[in-house]
Amino acid sequence: MRALPDDAAHWRTLMQITAFKLSDYHLSVKTTIYRRAVGILNRFRVRAAETEFWNWFEDNEPLLFAFERDQDRAFSELSEALERVNPDLTFEFGPVVNGRREFVVSAGGVRSAFSAVEGLIDSAPPLARWRFRRFRPRRSVSGQVSLGDLEIDAREVCITCHPDGDRWGLIVHIPGYEPTPDNRYEQIGYLWLDQSLGEYDLETRTSFIEFEPTDSAMSGDVSLNRLPGIIDGPSPD
């Protein structure tokens, strides 16, 4: 007969464990529902911000299309409108060609802002005088870039490409390269790479990027204008 109290204690323990597990399960369900609700609300917020931006763009289309007439105002107001979508977004305008102007939305090289660029351009309305582009495109590299008293000619820069999984590691060789407090050589190097590969491929198809002087360059190195051919070639893995 003494086993009954032990059995009762045993069942009480099982009931407590079950209640704890149910409580934990309910908490998990509530957490999942909360996260989904937050995600839905965030998507609504993003969509509303995108709609607000394009409404503003259409209302100010004459100012933006002829921005040269009042560039300070156009750029200031456009920057504020983009910031309301995502503070990392930036922009570029192309020249008017055959009555149309290109408008580029950029993430400023910030990978976490790529989805904001994609969403904004995907929601762009059709406007007769505009072409909308996501991310800074590739461009032919030439000329010089100056930063302070430093000037680098694109023809003097070469790249060593190293396979790194499904991406490429790059070593950028710049004449006279040396570490500086303001990273001026690196800043110029990234400008050249962004122009050569375009913003999207620079962020998504490269792994590491290092900088060295040109006296460490190798015979198989490529110029900035030949670099896209390597990146677009067979996958390194």
Protein backbone atom coordinates (compact mmCIF):
# COMPACT_ATOMS: atom_id res chain seq x y z
CA MET A 1 0.00 0.00 0.00
CA ARG A 2 2.97 2.31 0.53
CA ALA A 3 3.56 2.39 -3.26
CA LEU A 4 0.52 4.62 -3.76
CA PRO A 5 2.10 7.81 -2.44
CA ASP A 6 5.14 7.16 -4.65
CA ASP A 7 2.88 6.62 -7.66
CA ALA A 8 1.01 9.78 -6.87
CA ALA A 9 4.26 11.72 -6.65
CA HIS A 10 5.36 10.13 -9.91
CA TRP A 11 2.17 11.20 -11.69
CA ARG A 12 2.38 14.66 -10.22
CA THR A 13 5.93 14.94 -11.58
CA LEU A 14 4.80 13.77 -15.02
CA MET A 15 1.96 16.28 -15.00
CA GLN A 16 4.36 19.05 -14.04
CA ILE A 17 6.77 18.08 -16.84
CA THR A 18 3.89 17.91 -19.33
CA ALA A 19 2.60 21.30 -18.20
CA PHE A 20 6.10 22.74 -18.55
CA LYS A 21 6.48 21.30 -22.04
CA LEU A 22 3.05 22.61 -23.07
CA SER A 23 3.96 26.02 -21.68
CA ASP A 24 7.24 25.92 -23.59
CA TYR A 25 5.37 24.83 -26.74
CA HIS A 26 2.86 27.65 -26.36
CA LEU A 27 5.70 30.13 -25.86
CA SER A 28 7.39 28.81 -29.02
CA VAL A 29 4.15 29.15 -30.99
CA LYS A 30 3.60 32.67 -29.70
CA THR A 31 7.19 33.59 -30.59
CA THR A 32 6.76 32.19 -34.12
CA ILE A 33 3.47 34.08 -34.59
CA TYR A 34 5.05 37.27 -33.28
CA ARG A 35 8.02 36.97 -35.63
CA ARG A 36 5.74 36.34 -38.58
CA ALA A 37 3.59 39.32 -37.65
CA VAL A 38 6.67 41.53 -37.36
CA GLY A 39 7.87 40.27 -40.75
CA ILE A 40 4.50 41.06 -42.34
CA LEU A 41 4.44 44.52 -40.78
CA ASN A 42 8.00 45.19 -41.98
CA ARG A 43 7.06 44.16 -45.51
CA PHE A 44 4.08 46.50 -45.42
CA ARG A 45 6.32 49.29 -44.13
CA VAL A 46 8.86 48.70 -46.90
CA ARG A 47 6.16 48.55 -49.59
CA ALA A 48 4.62 51.76 -48.26
CA ALA A 49 8.02 53.49 -48.33
CA GLU A 50 8.62 52.34 -51.90
CA THR A 51 5.20 53.58 -53.00
CA GLU A 52 5.79 56.90 -51.26
CA PHE A 53 9.15 57.29 -53.03
CA TRP A 54 7.79 56.64 -56.51
CA ASN A 55 4.83 58.95 -55.89
CA TRP A 56 7.32 61.62 -54.90
CA PHE A 57 9.47 60.82 -57.96
CA GLU A 58 6.54 61.22 -60.35
CA ASP A 59 5.47 64.47 -58.70
CA ASN A 60 9.01 65.83 -59.10
CA GLU A 61 9.80 64.23 -62.45
CA PRO A 62 10.34 67.54 -64.31
CA LEU A 63 12.83 68.72 -61.66
CA LEU A 64 14.74 65.43 -61.73
CA PHE A 65 14.80 65.04 -65.50
CA ALA A 66 16.36 68.49 -65.88
CA PHE A 67 18.27 68.39 -62.60
CA GLU A 68 21.13 70.48 -64.04
CA ARG A 69 18.92 73.58 -63.80
CA ASP A 70 18.73 73.32 -59.99
CA GLN A 71 21.11 70.52 -59.03
CA ASP A 72 21.46 71.38 -55.34
CA ARG A 73 17.73 71.28 -54.78
CA ALA A 74 17.17 68.17 -56.91
CA PHE A 75 19.95 66.17 -55.27
CA SER A 76 19.06 67.28 -51.74
CA GLU A 77 15.38 66.41 -52.06
CA LEU A 78 16.11 63.15 -53.86
CA SER A 79 18.59 62.10 -51.16
CA GLU A 80 15.98 62.77 -48.49
CA ALA A 81 13.36 60.76 -50.38
CA LEU A 82 15.72 57.80 -50.80
CA GLU A 83 16.74 57.94 -47.15
CA ARG A 84 13.13 57.38 -46.15
CA VAL A 85 13.32 54.03 -47.99
CA ASN A 86 16.77 53.05 -46.70
CA PRO A 87 19.51 55.36 -45.38
CA ASP A 88 22.23 53.48 -47.32
CA LEU A 89 20.71 54.09 -50.76
CA THR A 90 22.43 56.46 -53.16
CA PHE A 91 21.80 57.39 -56.79
CA GLU A 92 23.34 58.30 -60.13
CA PHE A 93 21.91 59.97 -63.22
CA GLY A 94 22.93 59.19 -66.75
CA PRO A 95 22.86 61.66 -69.64
CA VAL A 96 19.74 62.20 -71.71
CA VAL A 97 19.89 59.85 -74.72
CA ASN A 98 17.10 59.87 -77.30
CA GLY A 99 14.85 61.70 -74.90
CA ARG A 100 15.37 59.32 -71.99
CA ARG A 101 17.53 59.52 -68.88
CA GLU A 102 18.88 56.63 -66.79
CA PHE A 103 18.36 56.65 -63.03
CA VAL A 104 20.59 54.28 -61.04
CA VAL A 105 19.78 53.26 -57.47
CA SER A 106 22.84 52.04 -55.57
CA ALA A 107 23.38 50.42 -52.19
CA GLY A 108 26.58 52.39 -51.78
CA GLY A 109 28.48 49.10 -51.62
CA VAL A 110 26.57 48.07 -48.46
CA ARG A 111 25.56 44.43 -48.93
CA SER A 112 22.73 44.59 -46.37
CA ALA A 113 21.03 47.28 -48.49
CA PHE A 114 20.97 45.19 -51.69
CA SER A 115 17.43 43.97 -51.03
CA ALA A 116 16.27 47.57 -50.66
CA VAL A 117 17.69 48.37 -54.10
CA GLU A 118 16.01 45.31 -55.63
CA GLY A 119 12.66 46.09 -54.05
CA LEU A 120 12.68 49.75 -55.02
CA ILE A 121 13.56 49.14 -58.68
CA ASP A 122 11.11 46.22 -58.90
CA SER A 123 8.33 48.57 -57.79
CA ALA A 124 9.26 51.37 -60.21
CA PRO A 125 6.41 52.62 -62.40
CA PRO A 126 6.80 52.79 -66.19
CA LEU A 127 7.80 56.35 -67.04
CA ALA A 128 8.31 57.27 -70.68
CA ARG A 129 11.38 59.45 -70.14
CA TRP A 130 13.23 57.13 -67.76
CA ARG A 131 15.23 53.92 -67.60
CA PHE A 132 15.69 52.54 -64.09
CA ARG A 133 18.75 50.47 -63.19
CA ARG A 134 19.66 48.61 -60.01
CA PHE A 135 23.26 48.98 -58.79
CA ARG A 136 26.12 50.92 -60.34
CA PRO A 137 26.94 49.28 -63.69
CA ARG A 138 30.27 48.29 -65.14
CA ARG A 139 32.12 50.92 -67.09
CA SER A 140 35.28 51.04 -69.15
CA VAL A 141 38.17 52.03 -66.90
CA SER A 142 40.53 54.80 -68.02
CA GLY A 143 42.13 58.01 -66.85
CA GLN A 144 43.37 58.98 -63.43
CA VAL A 145 41.86 59.20 -59.96
CA SER A 146 43.21 61.72 -57.47
CA LEU A 147 42.86 61.74 -53.71
CA GLY A 148 44.71 64.52 -51.96
CA ASP A 149 48.21 64.61 -53.41
CA LEU A 150 47.95 61.02 -54.67
CA GLU A 151 47.09 60.36 -58.33
CA ILE A 152 46.79 56.88 -59.81
CA ASP A 153 46.49 56.06 -63.51
CA ALA A 154 44.22 53.09 -64.29
CA ARG A 155 46.76 51.73 -66.79
CA GLU A 156 49.28 51.26 -63.98
CA VAL A 157 46.98 49.05 -61.89
CA CYS A 158 46.92 45.27 -62.30
CA ILE A 159 45.10 42.45 -60.53
CA THR A 160 46.10 38.99 -59.35
CA CYS A 161 43.07 36.66 -59.31
CA HIS A 162 42.94 33.73 -56.89
CA PRO A 163 40.19 31.07 -56.99
CA ASP A 164 38.46 30.99 -53.60
CA GLY A 165 35.58 28.52 -53.55
CA ASP A 166 32.91 29.79 -55.96
CA ARG A 167 34.34 33.31 -55.83
CA TRP A 168 37.54 35.13 -56.64
CA GLY A 169 40.04 36.66 -54.28
CA LEU A 170 41.75 39.76 -55.70
CA ILE A 171 45.12 41.30 -55.02
CA VAL A 172 45.22 44.82 -56.43
CA HIS A 173 48.68 46.07 -57.34
CA ILE A 174 49.00 49.87 -57.21
CA PRO A 175 52.19 51.85 -57.96
CA GLY A 176 53.86 53.01 -54.75
CA TYR A 177 51.30 51.32 -52.53
CA GLU A 178 51.86 51.65 -48.80
CA PRO A 179 49.50 51.64 -45.81
CA THR A 180 48.30 55.13 -44.89
CA PRO A 181 46.11 56.39 -42.02
CA ASP A 182 43.34 57.42 -44.44
CA ASN A 183 43.60 54.27 -46.62
CA ARG A 184 43.90 56.45 -49.69
CA TYR A 185 45.35 53.71 -51.91
CA GLU A 186 42.54 51.34 -50.90
CA GLN A 187 39.91 54.00 -51.56
CA ILE A 188 41.20 54.55 -55.08
CA GLY A 189 41.51 50.80 -55.62
CA TYR A 190 37.89 50.18 -54.64
CA LEU A 191 36.74 52.96 -56.95
CA TRP A 192 38.54 51.28 -59.85
CA LEU A 193 37.15 47.84 -58.95
CA ASP A 194 33.61 49.18 -58.64
CA GLN A 195 33.92 50.73 -62.08
CA SER A 196 35.47 47.62 -63.60
CA LEU A 197 33.12 44.98 -62.15
CA GLY A 198 30.05 46.99 -61.24
CA GLU A 199 28.66 47.24 -57.74
CA TYR A 200 26.75 43.95 -57.69
CA ASP A 201 29.50 41.65 -58.95
CA LEU A 202 32.13 43.34 -56.79
CA GLU A 203 30.11 42.46 -53.70
CA THR A 204 28.78 39.03 -54.70
CA ARG A 205 31.53 37.43 -56.80
CA THR A 206 34.67 38.34 -54.89
CA SER A 207 35.83 37.09 -51.51
CA PHE A 208 38.94 38.79 -50.21
CA ILE A 209 40.49 41.96 -51.65
CA GLU A 210 44.06 42.93 -50.75
CA PHE A 211 46.40 45.66 -51.91
CA GLU A 212 50.11 45.50 -52.72
CA PRO A 213 52.66 47.56 -54.69
CA THR A 214 53.16 46.79 -58.36
CA ASP A 215 56.64 45.37 -57.82
CA SER A 216 54.96 42.27 -56.35
CA ALA A 217 52.82 41.73 -59.46
CA MET A 218 52.98 38.42 -61.34
CA SER A 219 53.15 37.64 -65.04
CA GLY A 220 49.55 36.33 -65.15
CA ASP A 221 48.00 39.47 -63.71
CA VAL A 222 45.27 41.29 -65.61
CA SER A 223 44.35 44.91 -66.18
CA LEU A 224 41.22 46.51 -64.76
CA ASN A 225 39.49 46.30 -68.14
CA ARG A 226 40.33 42.59 -68.52
CA LEU A 227 39.21 41.71 -64.99
CA PRO A 228 35.50 41.23 -65.92
CA GLY A 229 36.52 38.50 -68.38
CA ILE A 230 38.04 36.52 -65.50
CA ILE A 231 35.06 37.07 -63.19
CA ASP A 232 32.58 36.14 -65.93
CA GLY A 233 34.54 33.03 -66.93
CA PRO A 234 34.15 29.49 -65.59
CA SER A 235 33.45 29.22 -61.87
CA PRO A 236 36.75 28.93 -59.99
CA ASP A 237 35.59 25.82 -58.12
